[in-house]
Amino acid sequence: MKEKNLSIELLKFMAVIIVMNGHMDVLYGKWDFLATGGAIGDALFFFVSGYTIFLGSFGRFDNWYKRRIKRVYPSVIAWAAVLSFWNFKQLTVVQLVNGGGYWFISCIMLYYVVLWVVRRFAEHKPLIPIFVCCFGVVIWYYMDSSCTDAMYGNNYFKWMFFFLFMLIGAYIGNSTLKIKFRFWSDVVSMSLSLVLFYGIQIVGDRYSLMSVFQLLTLMPLIGVALFGYKLCCSEVAVRMMHTKLGWCIRLISGLCLEVYIVQVTLIPLLANTIASLFPFSFLITFVAIIFVAYLTRCIGRVFSQLFDKEDMDWGKVFKAVS
């Protein structure tokens, strides 16, 4: 069995932590401005999701898409079952098919359709797909005035520009886009990308006339994903991933999808009872999310195996790190 790319596992872990932090404003209280990074976490998530998409078996669309469904939906169904058993939320069949109401599930399932077409006709030709995506982003941004105020908010515009990160991840994953690794140069570039990403947003928030330039934040955001990946490929990072700490990182990164799903419900629920325990409330919430995400994945694996021809493999169900 091919060993997983440890650099991608580390980047996925970073996405998990950053996204969780972006949703923990209810735990920060008056320090809620520290609950940031949601857009960065999403960018990393879509980048790593695209990284391996051109590497696996291809073939007919129906069989290829079936494998994507089999990876994503067992956990969605498992979490819906947990919520129902918990008597917390009942999901209809339509809501389940629509990804359980989680925007990133519907979004990524749509991306898979487009990516199959891209792989079929432009697997090693990144220029046209990336240009078309960038052109669409610019046109949408300047035709929809609401995007200038909240381009990373609850809107469909982000469905367009986050696809760019999956494309870049896919073409880097299959080595079509070549990159060079220079550790200290990458550290500086990563830091500069972060400063520009937040700096442009701060200026746009304070000066309404500058808000039209919020689209420029996509450039440093791409830089964060790209240089973040390069740093995760560094010798020190790979060496760390072979330690016990690396095993813990792989455990959490393997729960990336499930963490995305369960945190939306768990964070506000826990905040009602443990917010007063600040700052320990973060550790409690983090452990609770990881445990429930692991439980959700186990239940999802049970559902998945129930419809396989093979016998039940309970070792695979509870296996923490693949």
Protein backbone atom coordinates (compact mmCIF):
# COMPACT_ATOMS: atom_id res chain seq x y z
CA MET A 1 0.00 0.00 0.00
CA LYS A 2 1.38 3.42 -0.95
CA GLU A 3 2.46 5.51 2.04
CA LYS A 4 0.57 8.73 2.56
CA ASN A 5 2.27 12.01 1.78
CA LEU A 6 3.27 13.21 5.25
CA SER A 7 3.67 16.80 4.09
CA ILE A 8 0.06 16.87 2.92
CA GLU A 9 -1.01 15.27 6.22
CA LEU A 10 0.73 18.10 8.10
CA LEU A 11 -0.90 20.75 5.89
CA LYS A 12 -4.28 19.09 6.43
CA PHE A 13 -3.67 19.19 10.19
CA MET A 14 -3.00 22.93 9.93
CA ALA A 15 -6.30 23.35 8.06
CA VAL A 16 -8.15 21.53 10.85
CA ILE A 17 -6.66 23.68 13.62
CA ILE A 18 -7.10 26.98 11.78
CA VAL A 19 -10.72 26.26 10.81
CA MET A 20 -11.59 25.27 14.37
CA ASN A 21 -10.06 28.49 15.67
CA GLY A 22 -12.08 30.49 13.15
CA HIS A 23 -15.31 29.10 14.63
CA MET A 24 -14.41 29.59 18.30
CA ASP A 25 -15.44 33.24 18.63
CA VAL A 26 -18.07 32.25 21.21
CA LEU A 27 -15.27 30.93 23.45
CA TYR A 28 -13.00 33.97 23.10
CA GLY A 29 -15.53 36.38 24.62
CA LYS A 30 -14.20 39.94 24.38
CA TRP A 31 -11.17 38.55 22.54
CA ASP A 32 -13.33 37.23 19.70
CA PHE A 33 -11.18 39.04 17.12
CA LEU A 34 -8.65 36.24 17.70
CA ALA A 35 -11.12 33.73 16.21
CA THR A 36 -9.72 34.23 12.73
CA GLY A 37 -8.25 32.16 9.92
CA GLY A 38 -11.40 30.49 8.60
CA ALA A 39 -10.64 31.50 5.00
CA ILE A 40 -7.05 30.29 5.35
CA GLY A 41 -8.21 26.96 6.74
CA ASP A 42 -10.70 26.56 3.89
CA ALA A 43 -8.02 27.40 1.32
CA LEU A 44 -5.69 24.76 2.79
CA PHE A 45 -8.56 22.24 2.91
CA PHE A 46 -9.37 22.65 -0.78
CA PHE A 47 -5.68 22.67 -1.71
CA VAL A 48 -5.02 19.31 -0.01
CA SER A 49 -8.32 17.93 -1.35
CA GLY A 50 -7.15 18.69 -4.87
CA TYR A 51 -3.58 17.46 -4.33
CA THR A 52 -4.34 13.76 -4.84
CA ILE A 53 -7.33 14.10 -7.17
CA PHE A 54 -5.26 13.59 -10.35
CA LEU A 55 -3.18 10.76 -8.88
CA GLY A 56 -5.72 7.98 -8.32
CA SER A 57 -7.40 5.73 -10.87
CA PHE A 58 -9.53 7.51 -13.45
CA GLY A 59 -11.86 5.65 -15.83
CA ARG A 60 -15.55 6.31 -16.37
CA PHE A 61 -17.18 9.24 -14.60
CA ASP A 62 -19.80 7.17 -12.77
CA ASN A 63 -17.22 4.87 -11.18
CA TRP A 64 -14.88 7.75 -10.40
CA TYR A 65 -17.64 9.82 -8.79
CA LYS A 66 -18.87 6.78 -6.87
CA ARG A 67 -15.49 6.60 -5.12
CA ARG A 68 -15.77 10.26 -4.15
CA ILE A 69 -19.27 9.67 -2.73
CA LYS A 70 -18.03 6.64 -0.81
CA ARG A 71 -15.32 8.74 0.82
CA VAL A 72 -17.51 11.69 1.81
CA TYR A 73 -21.07 10.59 2.45
CA PRO A 74 -20.66 7.77 5.03
CA SER A 75 -19.46 10.37 7.55
CA VAL A 76 -22.29 12.75 6.62
CA ILE A 77 -24.84 9.98 7.12
CA ALA A 78 -23.15 8.90 10.36
CA TRP A 79 -23.30 12.40 11.81
CA ALA A 80 -26.94 12.74 10.74
CA ALA A 81 -27.64 9.47 12.60
CA VAL A 82 -25.85 10.77 15.70
CA LEU A 83 -27.83 14.02 15.64
CA SER A 84 -31.07 12.09 15.20
CA PHE A 85 -30.27 9.66 18.03
CA TRP A 86 -29.25 12.63 20.15
CA ASN A 87 -32.63 14.17 19.27
CA PHE A 88 -30.80 17.34 18.32
CA LYS A 89 -31.57 17.68 14.62
CA GLN A 90 -33.51 15.67 12.05
CA LEU A 91 -32.24 15.77 8.47
CA THR A 92 -34.49 15.00 5.51
CA VAL A 93 -33.36 12.84 2.61
CA VAL A 94 -33.03 15.96 0.46
CA GLN A 95 -30.80 17.59 3.09
CA LEU A 96 -28.64 14.48 3.25
CA VAL A 97 -28.22 14.37 -0.52
CA ASN A 98 -27.34 18.06 -0.37
CA GLY A 99 -24.45 17.28 1.95
CA GLY A 100 -26.27 17.56 5.25
CA GLY A 101 -26.58 21.32 4.92
CA TYR A 102 -22.79 21.87 5.04
CA TRP A 103 -21.74 24.21 2.23
CA PHE A 104 -18.30 22.68 1.77
CA ILE A 105 -19.78 19.20 1.14
CA SER A 106 -22.07 20.43 -1.64
CA CYS A 107 -19.25 22.59 -2.93
CA ILE A 108 -16.63 19.87 -3.10
CA MET A 109 -19.04 17.36 -4.67
CA LEU A 110 -19.67 19.92 -7.42
CA TYR A 111 -15.92 20.48 -7.76
CA TYR A 112 -15.43 16.75 -8.36
CA VAL A 113 -17.69 16.90 -11.41
CA VAL A 114 -15.71 19.77 -12.93
CA LEU A 115 -12.38 18.19 -11.96
CA TRP A 116 -13.26 14.99 -13.81
CA VAL A 117 -13.75 17.06 -16.97
CA VAL A 118 -10.52 18.96 -16.32
CA ARG A 119 -8.60 15.73 -15.82
CA ARG A 120 -10.17 14.20 -18.92
CA PHE A 121 -9.16 17.05 -21.22
CA ALA A 122 -6.43 19.04 -19.44
CA GLU A 123 -4.69 16.77 -16.93
CA HIS A 124 -1.29 18.30 -17.71
CA LYS A 125 -2.48 21.59 -19.20
CA PRO A 126 -3.11 23.96 -16.27
CA LEU A 127 -3.15 27.25 -18.17
CA ILE A 128 -6.69 27.10 -19.60
CA PRO A 129 -8.53 25.78 -16.49
CA ILE A 130 -6.76 28.24 -14.17
CA PHE A 131 -7.33 31.15 -16.57
CA VAL A 132 -11.05 30.33 -16.95
CA CYS A 133 -11.43 30.09 -13.17
CA CYS A 134 -9.61 33.41 -12.60
CA PHE A 135 -11.67 35.11 -15.32
CA GLY A 136 -14.89 33.82 -13.75
CA VAL A 137 -13.81 35.04 -10.31
CA VAL A 138 -13.08 38.57 -11.57
CA ILE A 139 -16.33 38.85 -13.55
CA TRP A 140 -18.45 37.55 -10.65
CA TYR A 141 -16.71 39.82 -8.13
CA TYR A 142 -17.34 43.03 -10.06
CA MET A 143 -20.89 42.08 -11.11
CA ASP A 144 -22.00 41.25 -7.55
CA SER A 145 -21.47 44.26 -5.29
CA SER A 146 -22.10 42.21 -2.13
CA CYS A 147 -18.82 40.35 -2.71
CA THR A 148 -16.75 43.45 -1.98
CA ASP A 149 -18.06 43.58 1.60
CA ALA A 150 -17.97 39.89 2.56
CA MET A 151 -16.25 37.79 -0.08
CA TYR A 152 -15.34 35.19 2.57
CA GLY A 153 -18.79 35.23 4.14
CA ASN A 154 -21.88 33.13 3.58
CA ASN A 155 -22.21 33.43 -0.19
CA TYR A 156 -21.81 31.43 -3.38
CA PHE A 157 -18.96 33.57 -4.67
CA LYS A 158 -16.46 31.63 -2.53
CA TRP A 159 -17.59 28.45 -4.33
CA MET A 160 -15.95 29.99 -7.40
CA PHE A 161 -12.63 31.19 -6.04
CA PHE A 162 -11.94 28.24 -3.73
CA PHE A 163 -12.01 26.01 -6.82
CA LEU A 164 -8.81 27.76 -7.83
CA PHE A 165 -7.10 26.23 -4.79
CA MET A 166 -8.23 22.73 -5.75
CA LEU A 167 -6.89 23.27 -9.25
CA ILE A 168 -3.51 24.47 -8.00
CA GLY A 169 -3.33 21.60 -5.53
CA ALA A 170 -4.19 19.08 -8.26
CA TYR A 171 -1.56 20.35 -10.69
CA ILE A 172 1.11 20.47 -7.99
CA GLY A 173 0.11 16.98 -6.89
CA ASN A 174 0.65 15.48 -10.35
CA SER A 175 3.86 17.52 -10.78
CA THR A 176 2.52 19.53 -13.72
CA LEU A 177 3.29 22.71 -11.77
CA LYS A 178 6.92 22.52 -10.67
CA ILE A 179 8.01 24.30 -7.50
CA LYS A 180 11.39 24.80 -5.87
CA PHE A 181 11.96 24.52 -2.14
CA ARG A 182 14.07 27.13 -0.34
CA PHE A 183 13.33 27.01 3.39
CA TRP A 184 14.20 30.52 4.59
CA SER A 185 12.90 32.12 1.43
CA ASP A 186 9.64 30.20 1.92
CA VAL A 187 9.43 31.34 5.56
CA VAL A 188 9.76 34.98 4.51
CA SER A 189 7.29 34.55 1.64
CA MET A 190 4.78 32.81 3.93
CA SER A 191 5.05 35.63 6.48
CA LEU A 192 4.65 38.29 3.81
CA SER A 193 1.61 36.50 2.37
CA LEU A 194 -0.07 36.50 5.79
CA VAL A 195 0.67 40.19 6.34
CA LEU A 196 -0.73 41.12 2.92
CA PHE A 197 -3.80 38.89 3.33
CA TYR A 198 -4.83 40.52 6.61
CA GLY A 199 -3.49 43.97 5.72
CA ILE A 200 -5.63 44.35 2.59
CA GLN A 201 -8.71 43.26 4.55
CA ILE A 202 -8.03 45.67 7.41
CA VAL A 203 -7.59 48.58 5.00
CA GLY A 204 -10.78 47.60 3.16
CA ASP A 205 -12.75 47.42 6.42
CA ARG A 206 -11.57 50.82 7.61
CA TYR A 207 -11.86 52.67 4.31
CA SER A 208 -14.98 51.87 2.29
CA LEU A 209 -13.46 53.25 -0.91
CA MET A 210 -10.77 50.58 -0.68
CA SER A 211 -13.18 47.68 -0.13
CA VAL A 212 -13.41 47.15 -3.89
CA PHE A 213 -9.85 45.83 -3.75
CA GLN A 214 -10.69 42.94 -1.41
CA LEU A 215 -10.34 40.59 -4.37
CA LEU A 216 -6.58 41.18 -4.20
CA THR A 217 -6.49 39.12 -0.98
CA LEU A 218 -6.72 36.01 -3.16
CA MET A 219 -3.12 36.46 -4.29
CA PRO A 220 -1.56 36.33 -0.79
CA LEU A 221 -4.07 33.61 0.16
CA ILE A 222 -2.72 31.48 -2.68
CA GLY A 223 0.71 32.31 -1.33
CA VAL A 224 -0.25 31.07 2.14
CA ALA A 225 -1.41 27.74 0.70
CA LEU A 226 1.59 27.36 -1.62
CA PHE A 227 4.32 28.40 0.81
CA GLY A 228 2.57 26.54 3.62
CA TYR A 229 2.82 23.39 1.54
CA LYS A 230 6.49 24.07 0.75
CA LEU A 231 7.29 24.50 4.45
CA CYS A 232 5.46 21.26 5.24
CA CYS A 233 7.79 19.57 2.74
CA SER A 234 10.88 20.85 4.54
CA GLU A 235 13.30 18.37 6.08
CA VAL A 236 12.51 19.41 9.66
CA ALA A 237 8.75 19.03 9.06
CA VAL A 238 9.06 15.58 7.48
CA ARG A 239 11.38 14.44 10.26
CA MET A 240 8.84 15.59 12.86
CA MET A 241 6.10 13.63 11.09
CA HIS A 242 8.01 10.40 11.82
CA THR A 243 7.86 11.00 15.59
CA LYS A 244 5.08 10.35 18.10
CA LEU A 245 3.99 13.95 17.63
CA GLY A 246 3.70 13.20 13.93
CA TRP A 247 1.46 10.23 14.73
CA CYS A 248 -0.88 12.56 16.67
CA ILE A 249 -0.86 15.02 13.79
CA ARG A 250 -1.76 12.24 11.36
CA LEU A 251 -4.59 11.13 13.66
CA ILE A 252 -6.12 14.60 13.62
CA SER A 253 -5.46 15.26 9.93
CA GLY A 254 -7.20 11.98 9.07
CA LEU A 255 -10.31 13.36 10.76
CA CYS A 256 -10.29 16.56 8.70
CA LEU A 257 -13.65 15.96 6.98
CA GLU A 258 -15.35 14.78 10.18
CA VAL A 259 -13.99 17.74 12.18
CA TYR A 260 -15.46 20.11 9.58
CA ILE A 261 -18.82 18.39 9.95
CA VAL A 262 -19.15 18.07 13.74
CA GLN A 263 -17.61 21.36 14.90
CA VAL A 264 -20.49 23.44 13.54
CA THR A 265 -22.79 21.85 16.11
CA LEU A 266 -20.38 21.13 18.96
CA ILE A 267 -18.68 24.51 19.41
CA PRO A 268 -21.83 26.58 20.15
CA LEU A 269 -23.25 23.70 22.21
CA LEU A 270 -20.16 23.45 24.42
CA ALA A 271 -19.82 27.22 24.64
CA ASN A 272 -23.10 27.40 26.54
CA THR A 273 -21.66 25.31 29.39
CA ILE A 274 -17.88 25.80 29.47
CA ALA A 275 -17.25 29.34 28.14
CA SER A 276 -16.62 30.50 31.72
CA LEU A 277 -13.64 28.11 31.95
CA PHE A 278 -11.60 30.28 29.56
CA PRO A 279 -8.87 29.50 28.49
CA PHE A 280 -9.30 25.80 29.39
CA SER A 281 -12.53 25.80 27.39
CA PHE A 282 -10.41 25.63 24.20
CA LEU A 283 -8.66 22.43 25.24
CA ILE A 284 -11.93 20.82 26.34
CA THR A 285 -13.65 21.82 23.08
CA PHE A 286 -10.71 20.62 20.98
CA VAL A 287 -10.62 17.20 22.67
CA ALA A 288 -14.41 16.87 22.41
CA ILE A 289 -14.40 17.70 18.69
CA ILE A 290 -11.61 15.22 17.94
CA PHE A 291 -13.33 12.45 19.94
CA VAL A 292 -16.73 13.01 18.32
CA ALA A 293 -15.12 13.29 14.87
CA TYR A 294 -13.37 9.94 15.44
CA LEU A 295 -16.65 8.37 16.60
CA THR A 296 -18.41 9.77 13.53
CA ARG A 297 -15.76 8.32 11.23
CA CYS A 298 -16.06 4.91 12.89
CA ILE A 299 -19.84 4.89 12.44
CA GLY A 300 -19.37 6.04 8.85
CA ARG A 301 -16.98 3.16 8.20
CA VAL A 302 -19.54 0.74 9.60
CA PHE A 303 -22.18 2.12 7.20
CA SER A 304 -19.70 1.88 4.33
CA GLN A 305 -18.78 -1.74 5.08
CA LEU A 306 -22.41 -2.79 5.45
CA PHE A 307 -22.85 -2.26 1.72
CA ASP A 308 -19.59 -3.93 0.68
CA LYS A 309 -19.32 -7.53 -0.49
CA GLU A 310 -16.47 -8.27 1.94
CA ASP A 311 -16.90 -9.32 5.57
CA MET A 312 -16.90 -6.69 8.29
CA ASP A 313 -13.38 -5.57 9.19
CA TRP A 314 -13.63 -4.11 12.71
CA GLY A 315 -9.91 -3.39 12.80
CA LYS A 316 -10.37 -1.07 9.85
CA VAL A 317 -13.41 0.54 11.48
CA PHE A 318 -11.50 1.62 14.59
CA LYS A 319 -8.07 2.15 13.02
CA ALA A 320 -6.89 5.57 14.15
CA VAL A 321 -4.18 6.30 11.59
CA SER A 322 -4.19 4.89 8.05
